[in-house]
Amino acid sequence: MSFFVFILGTILGSFFNVCIYRIPEDESIAYPPSHCGKCNTKLKALDLIPILSWIFLKGKCRYCKEKISIQYPLIELLTGIVFTTIYLRFGFGIEFIKYIFLMSILIISAVIDLKTQYVFFSVSLVGIIGGILFAIIEIFMSKNITSILLSIIIPLVVLGLIILLTRKFEGMGTGDLEIFILISLYVSPKVIVVSLFLSIIFGGIVSAIIYIKGYRKKHIAFVPYIALGTYIAILFGENIFNWYLSISMF
């Protein structure tokens, strides 16, 4: 089952690559079918096997020999790993489906932000709609609606204050808040707190390194750190939160 989940992840990762390439270009993610960006040749099934096609073709287009970015197999591999670890943590059920859907949105948004320094609302909207649907399902499964509301309020307050305090320095933007709002629809208050904390820590460390090296005007794509922090929080957030409470009592 883990192998099946990994394969599913790599296949969807291949589709995520299409989204990452086409959404910033305002192109349809469904049409035309996958093709070489250089020679425009329609790719065949053998050219689209996740990870393996890139290896067998030595990172080049079969038809025009143009180099294919290593981003493609890396996103496929990353998605496969993320899906598999979530399956191993939660098994097959509503939480597995919910979290792989959330991480799919975050992977797409993170890589687009890394490449363009922009958060596309069209991607976030899919995540928000999915989050609302999962929240409704979980309410019918006896989840406390107060928990959902608290998860939404926490990033609104924390990030709202950060955005206000750093607006003169082009700090965190509303796109980052948008991402956290959609995340809050999927996770518990404990997990959203850990996700916020880890994201700020990871982003802060990288920002400090860039500042020390003299690139003070360089814009930092924050969504990749949000995605990483949320991924860790999904897997271990409850334990991290409870551990912190236990040591803070001494």
C-alpha atoms as a PDB file:
ATOM      1  CA  MET A   1       0.000   0.000   0.000  1.00  0.00           C
ATOM      2  CA  SER A   2       2.875   2.386   0.781  1.00  0.00           C
ATOM      3  CA  PHE A   3       4.369   1.679  -2.652  1.00  0.00           C
ATOM      4  CA  PHE A   4       1.000   2.373  -4.292  1.00  0.00           C
ATOM      5  CA  VAL A   5       0.713   5.674  -2.393  1.00  0.00           C
ATOM      6  CA  PHE A   6       4.241   6.640  -3.464  1.00  0.00           C
ATOM      7  CA  ILE A   7       3.436   5.910  -7.131  1.00  0.00           C
ATOM      8  CA  LEU A   8       0.217   7.921  -6.818  1.00  0.00           C
ATOM      9  CA  GLY A   9       2.247  10.798  -5.399  1.00  0.00           C
ATOM     10  CA  THR A  10       4.748  10.766  -8.263  1.00  0.00           C
ATOM     11  CA  ILE A  11       1.937  10.708 -10.840  1.00  0.00           C
ATOM     12  CA  LEU A  12       0.191  13.654  -9.207  1.00  0.00           C
ATOM     13  CA  GLY A  13       3.583  15.341  -8.830  1.00  0.00           C
ATOM     14  CA  SER A  14       3.887  15.196 -12.606  1.00  0.00           C
ATOM     15  CA  PHE A  15       0.555  17.019 -12.867  1.00  0.00           C
ATOM     16  CA  PHE A  16       1.719  19.557 -10.274  1.00  0.00           C
ATOM     17  CA  ASN A  17       4.656  20.356 -12.556  1.00  0.00           C
ATOM     18  CA  VAL A  18       2.159  21.261 -15.261  1.00  0.00           C
ATOM     19  CA  CYS A  19       0.311  23.538 -12.816  1.00  0.00           C
ATOM     20  CA  ILE A  20       3.556  25.158 -11.666  1.00  0.00           C
ATOM     21  CA  TYR A  21       4.580  25.917 -15.254  1.00  0.00           C
ATOM     22  CA  ARG A  22       1.219  26.999 -16.676  1.00  0.00           C
ATOM     23  CA  ILE A  23      -0.582  28.890 -13.896  1.00  0.00           C
ATOM     24  CA  PRO A  24       1.914  31.818 -13.811  1.00  0.00           C
ATOM     25  CA  GLU A  25       1.636  31.974 -17.608  1.00  0.00           C
ATOM     26  CA  ASP A  26      -2.176  32.131 -17.353  1.00  0.00           C
ATOM     27  CA  GLU A  27      -2.473  28.961 -19.456  1.00  0.00           C
ATOM     28  CA  SER A  28      -4.984  26.122 -19.152  1.00  0.00           C
ATOM     29  CA  ILE A  29      -3.725  23.198 -17.040  1.00  0.00           C
ATOM     30  CA  ALA A  30      -5.868  20.793 -19.085  1.00  0.00           C
ATOM     31  CA  TYR A  31      -5.222  21.814 -22.685  1.00  0.00           C
ATOM     32  CA  PRO A  32      -3.106  21.405 -24.738  1.00  0.00           C
ATOM     33  CA  PRO A  33      -1.693  18.028 -23.643  1.00  0.00           C
ATOM     34  CA  SER A  34       1.855  17.853 -22.285  1.00  0.00           C
ATOM     35  CA  HIS A  35       4.397  18.999 -24.843  1.00  0.00           C
ATOM     36  CA  CYS A  36       8.002  20.152 -25.076  1.00  0.00           C
ATOM     37  CA  GLY A  37       8.286  23.834 -24.240  1.00  0.00           C
ATOM     38  CA  LYS A  38      11.023  24.250 -26.875  1.00  0.00           C
ATOM     39  CA  CYS A  39      10.000  22.259 -29.958  1.00  0.00           C
ATOM     40  CA  ASN A  40       6.281  22.039 -29.000  1.00  0.00           C
ATOM     41  CA  THR A  41       6.176  18.303 -29.810  1.00  0.00           C
ATOM     42  CA  LYS A  42       3.371  16.430 -28.047  1.00  0.00           C
ATOM     43  CA  LEU A  43       4.908  14.065 -25.505  1.00  0.00           C
ATOM     44  CA  LYS A  44       4.128  10.359 -25.640  1.00  0.00           C
ATOM     45  CA  ALA A  45       3.329   8.078 -22.699  1.00  0.00           C
ATOM     46  CA  LEU A  46       6.956   6.882 -22.483  1.00  0.00           C
ATOM     47  CA  ASP A  47       8.078  10.494 -22.085  1.00  0.00           C
ATOM     48  CA  LEU A  48       5.778  11.044 -19.109  1.00  0.00           C
ATOM     49  CA  ILE A  49       6.702   8.239 -16.695  1.00  0.00           C
ATOM     50  CA  PRO A  50       7.387  10.056 -13.409  1.00  0.00           C
ATOM     51  CA  ILE A  51      11.084  10.260 -12.476  1.00  0.00           C
ATOM     52  CA  LEU A  52      12.111   7.367 -14.752  1.00  0.00           C
ATOM     53  CA  SER A  53      11.529   9.183 -18.057  1.00  0.00           C
ATOM     54  CA  TRP A  54      13.812  12.018 -16.967  1.00  0.00           C
ATOM     55  CA  ILE A  55      16.520   9.514 -15.964  1.00  0.00           C
ATOM     56  CA  PHE A  56      16.289   7.413 -19.140  1.00  0.00           C
ATOM     57  CA  LEU A  57      16.235  10.514 -21.361  1.00  0.00           C
ATOM     58  CA  LYS A  58      19.247  11.897 -19.441  1.00  0.00           C
ATOM     59  CA  GLY A  59      17.362  15.087 -18.668  1.00  0.00           C
ATOM     60  CA  LYS A  60      16.801  15.987 -22.332  1.00  0.00           C
ATOM     61  CA  CYS A  61      13.825  16.136 -24.681  1.00  0.00           C
ATOM     62  CA  ARG A  62      13.639  13.013 -26.838  1.00  0.00           C
ATOM     63  CA  TYR A  63      12.907  15.114 -29.921  1.00  0.00           C
ATOM     64  CA  CYS A  64      14.924  18.340 -29.791  1.00  0.00           C
ATOM     65  CA  LYS A  65      17.481  17.413 -27.087  1.00  0.00           C
ATOM     66  CA  GLU A  66      16.646  20.548 -25.092  1.00  0.00           C
ATOM     67  CA  LYS A  67      17.525  20.164 -21.421  1.00  0.00           C
ATOM     68  CA  ILE A  68      14.637  19.343 -19.093  1.00  0.00           C
ATOM     69  CA  SER A  69      14.795  21.022 -15.693  1.00  0.00           C
ATOM     70  CA  ILE A  70      15.620  18.764 -12.760  1.00  0.00           C
ATOM     71  CA  GLN A  71      12.639  20.418 -11.077  1.00  0.00           C
ATOM     72  CA  TYR A  72      10.349  17.892 -12.778  1.00  0.00           C
ATOM     73  CA  PRO A  73      11.692  14.661 -11.231  1.00  0.00           C
ATOM     74  CA  LEU A  74      12.369  16.432  -7.915  1.00  0.00           C
ATOM     75  CA  ILE A  75       8.730  17.554  -7.562  1.00  0.00           C
ATOM     76  CA  GLU A  76       7.551  14.055  -8.502  1.00  0.00           C
ATOM     77  CA  LEU A  77       9.876  12.463  -5.944  1.00  0.00           C
ATOM     78  CA  LEU A  78       9.001  15.026  -3.271  1.00  0.00           C
ATOM     79  CA  THR A  79       5.267  14.493  -3.740  1.00  0.00           C
ATOM     80  CA  GLY A  80       5.692  10.728  -3.570  1.00  0.00           C
ATOM     81  CA  ILE A  81       7.639  11.029  -0.307  1.00  0.00           C
ATOM     82  CA  VAL A  82       5.153  13.480   1.224  1.00  0.00           C
ATOM     83  CA  PHE A  83       2.167  11.280   0.358  1.00  0.00           C
ATOM     84  CA  THR A  84       3.883   8.146   1.670  1.00  0.00           C
ATOM     85  CA  THR A  85       4.920   9.662   5.001  1.00  0.00           C
ATOM     86  CA  ILE A  86       1.414  11.025   5.570  1.00  0.00           C
ATOM     87  CA  TYR A  87      -0.010   7.571   4.814  1.00  0.00           C
ATOM     88  CA  LEU A  88       2.436   5.919   7.236  1.00  0.00           C
ATOM     89  CA  ARG A  89       1.452   8.444   9.922  1.00  0.00           C
ATOM     90  CA  PHE A  90      -2.340   8.367   9.538  1.00  0.00           C
ATOM     91  CA  GLY A  91      -3.195   5.272   7.504  1.00  0.00           C
ATOM     92  CA  PHE A  92      -5.884   5.366   4.825  1.00  0.00           C
ATOM     93  CA  GLY A  93      -8.850   7.506   5.866  1.00  0.00           C
ATOM     94  CA  ILE A  94     -10.281  11.005   5.879  1.00  0.00           C
ATOM     95  CA  GLU A  95      -7.162  12.493   7.494  1.00  0.00           C
ATOM     96  CA  PHE A  96      -4.911  10.982   4.820  1.00  0.00           C
ATOM     97  CA  ILE A  97      -7.071  12.353   1.992  1.00  0.00           C
ATOM     98  CA  LYS A  98      -7.412  15.740   3.694  1.00  0.00           C
ATOM     99  CA  TYR A  99      -3.704  16.169   4.353  1.00  0.00           C
ATOM    100  CA  ILE A 100      -2.450  15.027   0.947  1.00  0.00           C
ATOM    101  CA  PHE A 101      -4.915  17.454  -0.646  1.00  0.00           C
ATOM    102  CA  LEU A 102      -3.597  20.265   1.561  1.00  0.00           C
ATOM    103  CA  MET A 103       0.037  19.387   0.875  1.00  0.00           C
ATOM    104  CA  SER A 104      -0.694  19.233  -2.868  1.00  0.00           C
ATOM    105  CA  ILE A 105      -1.918  22.845  -2.780  1.00  0.00           C
ATOM    106  CA  LEU A 106       1.086  23.870  -0.682  1.00  0.00           C
ATOM    107  CA  ILE A 107       3.607  22.177  -2.990  1.00  0.00           C
ATOM    108  CA  ILE A 108       2.172  23.963  -6.034  1.00  0.00           C
ATOM    109  CA  SER A 109       1.972  27.332  -4.249  1.00  0.00           C
ATOM    110  CA  ALA A 110       5.445  26.962  -2.708  1.00  0.00           C
ATOM    111  CA  VAL A 111       7.239  26.264  -5.983  1.00  0.00           C
ATOM    112  CA  ILE A 112       5.321  28.995  -7.834  1.00  0.00           C
ATOM    113  CA  ASP A 113       6.209  31.447  -5.050  1.00  0.00           C
ATOM    114  CA  LEU A 114       9.836  30.333  -5.220  1.00  0.00           C
ATOM    115  CA  LYS A 115       9.919  30.959  -8.971  1.00  0.00           C
ATOM    116  CA  THR A 116       7.781  34.116  -9.183  1.00  0.00           C
ATOM    117  CA  GLN A 117       7.558  35.549  -5.623  1.00  0.00           C
ATOM    118  CA  TYR A 118       3.804  35.604  -6.090  1.00  0.00           C
ATOM    119  CA  VAL A 119       0.864  33.752  -4.519  1.00  0.00           C
ATOM    120  CA  PHE A 120      -1.859  33.003  -7.055  1.00  0.00           C
ATOM    121  CA  PHE A 121      -5.362  33.209  -5.610  1.00  0.00           C
ATOM    122  CA  SER A 122      -6.635  30.666  -8.156  1.00  0.00           C
ATOM    123  CA  VAL A 123      -4.510  28.022  -6.410  1.00  0.00           C
ATOM    124  CA  SER A 124      -5.450  29.224  -2.923  1.00  0.00           C
ATOM    125  CA  LEU A 125      -9.143  29.214  -3.863  1.00  0.00           C
ATOM    126  CA  VAL A 126      -9.012  25.504  -4.695  1.00  0.00           C
ATOM    127  CA  GLY A 127      -7.422  24.902  -1.291  1.00  0.00           C
ATOM    128  CA  ILE A 128     -10.025  27.048   0.494  1.00  0.00           C
ATOM    129  CA  ILE A 129     -12.948  25.285  -1.204  1.00  0.00           C
ATOM    130  CA  GLY A 130     -11.421  21.902  -0.373  1.00  0.00           C
ATOM    131  CA  GLY A 131     -10.836  23.001   3.224  1.00  0.00           C
ATOM    132  CA  ILE A 132     -14.454  24.108   3.637  1.00  0.00           C
ATOM    133  CA  LEU A 133     -15.682  20.758   2.291  1.00  0.00           C
ATOM    134  CA  PHE A 134     -13.415  18.787   4.617  1.00  0.00           C
ATOM    135  CA  ALA A 135     -14.458  21.000   7.561  1.00  0.00           C
ATOM    136  CA  ILE A 136     -18.150  20.314   6.820  1.00  0.00           C
ATOM    137  CA  ILE A 137     -17.467  16.568   6.610  1.00  0.00           C
ATOM    138  CA  GLU A 138     -15.618  16.621   9.939  1.00  0.00           C
ATOM    139  CA  ILE A 139     -18.391  18.640  11.617  1.00  0.00           C
ATOM    140  CA  PHE A 140     -20.813  15.887  10.621  1.00  0.00           C
ATOM    141  CA  MET A 141     -18.284  13.443  12.087  1.00  0.00           C
ATOM    142  CA  SER A 142     -18.615  15.279  15.441  1.00  0.00           C
ATOM    143  CA  LYS A 143     -15.667  17.673  15.164  1.00  0.00           C
ATOM    144  CA  ASN A 144     -16.140  20.748  17.345  1.00  0.00           C
ATOM    145  CA  ILE A 145     -16.828  23.822  15.193  1.00  0.00           C
ATOM    146  CA  THR A 146     -15.127  25.955  17.880  1.00  0.00           C
ATOM    147  CA  SER A 147     -11.841  24.190  17.069  1.00  0.00           C
ATOM    148  CA  ILE A 148     -12.173  25.148  13.395  1.00  0.00           C
ATOM    149  CA  LEU A 149     -12.942  28.782  14.232  1.00  0.00           C
ATOM    150  CA  LEU A 150      -9.994  28.943  16.648  1.00  0.00           C
ATOM    151  CA  SER A 151      -7.661  27.566  13.978  1.00  0.00           C
ATOM    152  CA  ILE A 152      -8.759  30.404  11.673  1.00  0.00           C
ATOM    153  CA  ILE A 153      -8.505  33.139  14.315  1.00  0.00           C
ATOM    154  CA  ILE A 154      -4.928  32.273  15.373  1.00  0.00           C
ATOM    155  CA  PRO A 155      -3.194  33.050  12.018  1.00  0.00           C
ATOM    156  CA  LEU A 156      -5.498  36.033  11.437  1.00  0.00           C
ATOM    157  CA  VAL A 157      -4.362  37.648  14.689  1.00  0.00           C
ATOM    158  CA  VAL A 158      -0.692  36.610  14.631  1.00  0.00           C
ATOM    159  CA  LEU A 159       0.023  37.251  10.951  1.00  0.00           C
ATOM    160  CA  GLY A 160      -2.228  40.306  10.869  1.00  0.00           C
ATOM    161  CA  LEU A 161      -0.035  41.904  13.541  1.00  0.00           C
ATOM    162  CA  ILE A 162       3.174  40.866  11.770  1.00  0.00           C
ATOM    163  CA  ILE A 163       1.954  42.322   8.454  1.00  0.00           C
ATOM    164  CA  LEU A 164       1.024  45.603  10.161  1.00  0.00           C
ATOM    165  CA  LEU A 165       4.361  45.852  11.979  1.00  0.00           C
ATOM    166  CA  THR A 166       6.486  45.031   8.915  1.00  0.00           C
ATOM    167  CA  ARG A 167       4.533  46.810   6.179  1.00  0.00           C
ATOM    168  CA  LYS A 168       7.209  49.527   5.854  1.00  0.00           C
ATOM    169  CA  PHE A 169       9.907  46.911   5.332  1.00  0.00           C
ATOM    170  CA  GLU A 170       8.090  44.795   2.715  1.00  0.00           C
ATOM    171  CA  GLY A 171       7.900  41.925   5.185  1.00  0.00           C
ATOM    172  CA  MET A 172       5.224  39.235   5.196  1.00  0.00           C
ATOM    173  CA  GLY A 173       2.454  39.853   2.664  1.00  0.00           C
ATOM    174  CA  THR A 174      -1.266  39.197   2.435  1.00  0.00           C
ATOM    175  CA  GLY A 175      -0.559  36.241   0.149  1.00  0.00           C
ATOM    176  CA  ASP A 176       1.175  34.487   3.052  1.00  0.00           C
ATOM    177  CA  LEU A 177      -1.845  35.185   5.273  1.00  0.00           C
ATOM    178  CA  GLU A 178      -4.052  33.792   2.503  1.00  0.00           C
ATOM    179  CA  ILE A 179      -2.066  30.538   2.578  1.00  0.00           C
ATOM    180  CA  PHE A 180      -2.317  30.257   6.364  1.00  0.00           C
ATOM    181  CA  ILE A 181      -6.072  30.866   6.295  1.00  0.00           C
ATOM    182  CA  LEU A 182      -6.549  27.932   3.930  1.00  0.00           C
ATOM    183  CA  ILE A 183      -4.247  25.767   6.084  1.00  0.00           C
ATOM    184  CA  SER A 184      -6.334  26.604   9.159  1.00  0.00           C
ATOM    185  CA  LEU A 185      -9.365  24.952   7.547  1.00  0.00           C
ATOM    186  CA  TYR A 186      -7.560  21.602   7.587  1.00  0.00           C
ATOM    187  CA  VAL A 187      -5.722  21.423  10.912  1.00  0.00           C
ATOM    188  CA  SER A 188      -6.340  21.700  14.656  1.00  0.00           C
ATOM    189  CA  PRO A 189      -5.427  24.810  16.707  1.00  0.00           C
ATOM    190  CA  LYS A 190      -2.379  22.994  18.108  1.00  0.00           C
ATOM    191  CA  VAL A 191      -1.127  22.129  14.634  1.00  0.00           C
ATOM    192  CA  ILE A 192      -1.670  25.646  13.259  1.00  0.00           C
ATOM    193  CA  VAL A 193       0.317  27.091  16.183  1.00  0.00           C
ATOM    194  CA  VAL A 194       3.230  24.730  15.512  1.00  0.00           C
ATOM    195  CA  SER A 195       2.995  25.410  11.776  1.00  0.00           C
ATOM    196  CA  LEU A 196       3.148  29.168  12.373  1.00  0.00           C
ATOM    197  CA  PHE A 197       6.080  28.826  14.757  1.00  0.00           C
ATOM    198  CA  LEU A 198       8.124  26.552  12.484  1.00  0.00           C
ATOM    199  CA  SER A 199       7.393  28.603   9.360  1.00  0.00           C
ATOM    200  CA  ILE A 200       8.536  31.827  11.007  1.00  0.00           C
ATOM    201  CA  ILE A 201      11.654  30.102  12.401  1.00  0.00           C
ATOM    202  CA  PHE A 202      12.633  28.579   9.021  1.00  0.00           C
ATOM    203  CA  GLY A 203      11.913  31.797   7.112  1.00  0.00           C
ATOM    204  CA  GLY A 204      13.703  33.870   9.744  1.00  0.00           C
ATOM    205  CA  ILE A 205      16.849  31.752   9.614  1.00  0.00           C
ATOM    206  CA  VAL A 206      17.074  31.996   5.823  1.00  0.00           C
ATOM    207  CA  SER A 207      16.289  35.733   5.884  1.00  0.00           C
ATOM    208  CA  ALA A 208      19.041  36.282   8.461  1.00  0.00           C
ATOM    209  CA  ILE A 209      21.555  34.369   6.341  1.00  0.00           C
ATOM    210  CA  ILE A 210      20.623  36.390   3.255  1.00  0.00           C
ATOM    211  CA  TYR A 211      20.838  39.644   5.250  1.00  0.00           C
ATOM    212  CA  ILE A 212      24.266  38.733   6.658  1.00  0.00           C
ATOM    213  CA  LYS A 213      25.533  37.954   3.156  1.00  0.00           C
ATOM    214  CA  GLY A 214      24.541  41.450   2.051  1.00  0.00           C
ATOM    215  CA  TYR A 215      21.489  40.680  -0.089  1.00  0.00           C
ATOM    216  CA  ARG A 216      19.301  43.039   1.930  1.00  0.00           C
ATOM    217  CA  LYS A 217      16.930  43.937  -0.910  1.00  0.00           C
ATOM    218  CA  LYS A 218      16.363  40.342  -1.989  1.00  0.00           C
ATOM    219  CA  HIS A 219      12.707  39.286  -1.729  1.00  0.00           C
ATOM    220  CA  ILE A 220      12.133  36.106   0.257  1.00  0.00           C
ATOM    221  CA  ALA A 221       9.548  33.597  -0.966  1.00  0.00           C
ATOM    222  CA  PHE A 222       7.861  32.614   2.311  1.00  0.00           C
ATOM    223  CA  VAL A 223       5.402  29.955   1.113  1.00  0.00           C
ATOM    224  CA  PRO A 224       8.107  27.239   0.849  1.00  0.00           C
ATOM    225  CA  TYR A 225       8.787  27.695   4.583  1.00  0.00           C
ATOM    226  CA  ILE A 226       5.060  27.661   5.327  1.00  0.00           C
ATOM    227  CA  ALA A 227       4.770  24.390   3.389  1.00  0.00           C
ATOM    228  CA  LEU A 228       7.728  22.843   5.225  1.00  0.00           C
ATOM    229  CA  GLY A 229       6.514  24.018   8.632  1.00  0.00           C
ATOM    230  CA  THR A 230       2.997  22.743   7.942  1.00  0.00           C
ATOM    231  CA  TYR A 231       4.273  19.370   6.725  1.00  0.00           C
ATOM    232  CA  ILE A 232       6.258  18.854   9.936  1.00  0.00           C
ATOM    233  CA  ALA A 233       3.321  20.122  12.011  1.00  0.00           C
ATOM    234  CA  ILE A 234       0.925  17.694  10.327  1.00  0.00           C
ATOM    235  CA  LEU A 235       3.188  14.755  11.178  1.00  0.00           C
ATOM    236  CA  PHE A 236       4.387  15.799  14.636  1.00  0.00           C
ATOM    237  CA  GLY A 237       2.530  19.001  15.600  1.00  0.00           C
ATOM    238  CA  GLU A 238       0.402  17.551  18.385  1.00  0.00           C
ATOM    239  CA  ASN A 239       3.464  15.942  20.000  1.00  0.00           C
ATOM    240  CA  ILE A 240       5.570  19.109  19.617  1.00  0.00           C
ATOM    241  CA  PHE A 241       2.825  21.260  21.160  1.00  0.00           C
ATOM    242  CA  ASN A 242       2.281  18.899  24.114  1.00  0.00           C
ATOM    243  CA  TRP A 243       6.054  18.589  24.646  1.00  0.00           C
ATOM    244  CA  TYR A 244       6.427  22.364  24.759  1.00  0.00           C
ATOM    245  CA  LEU A 245       3.605  22.667  27.293  1.00  0.00           C
ATOM    246  CA  SER A 246       5.208  19.998  29.463  1.00  0.00           C
ATOM    247  CA  ILE A 247       8.608  21.745  29.626  1.00  0.00           C
ATOM    248  CA  SER A 248       7.121  25.221  30.022  1.00  0.00           C
ATOM    249  CA  MET A 249       5.445  24.140  33.256  1.00  0.00           C
ATOM    250  CA  PHE A 250       8.797  23.657  35.010  1.00  0.00           C
END
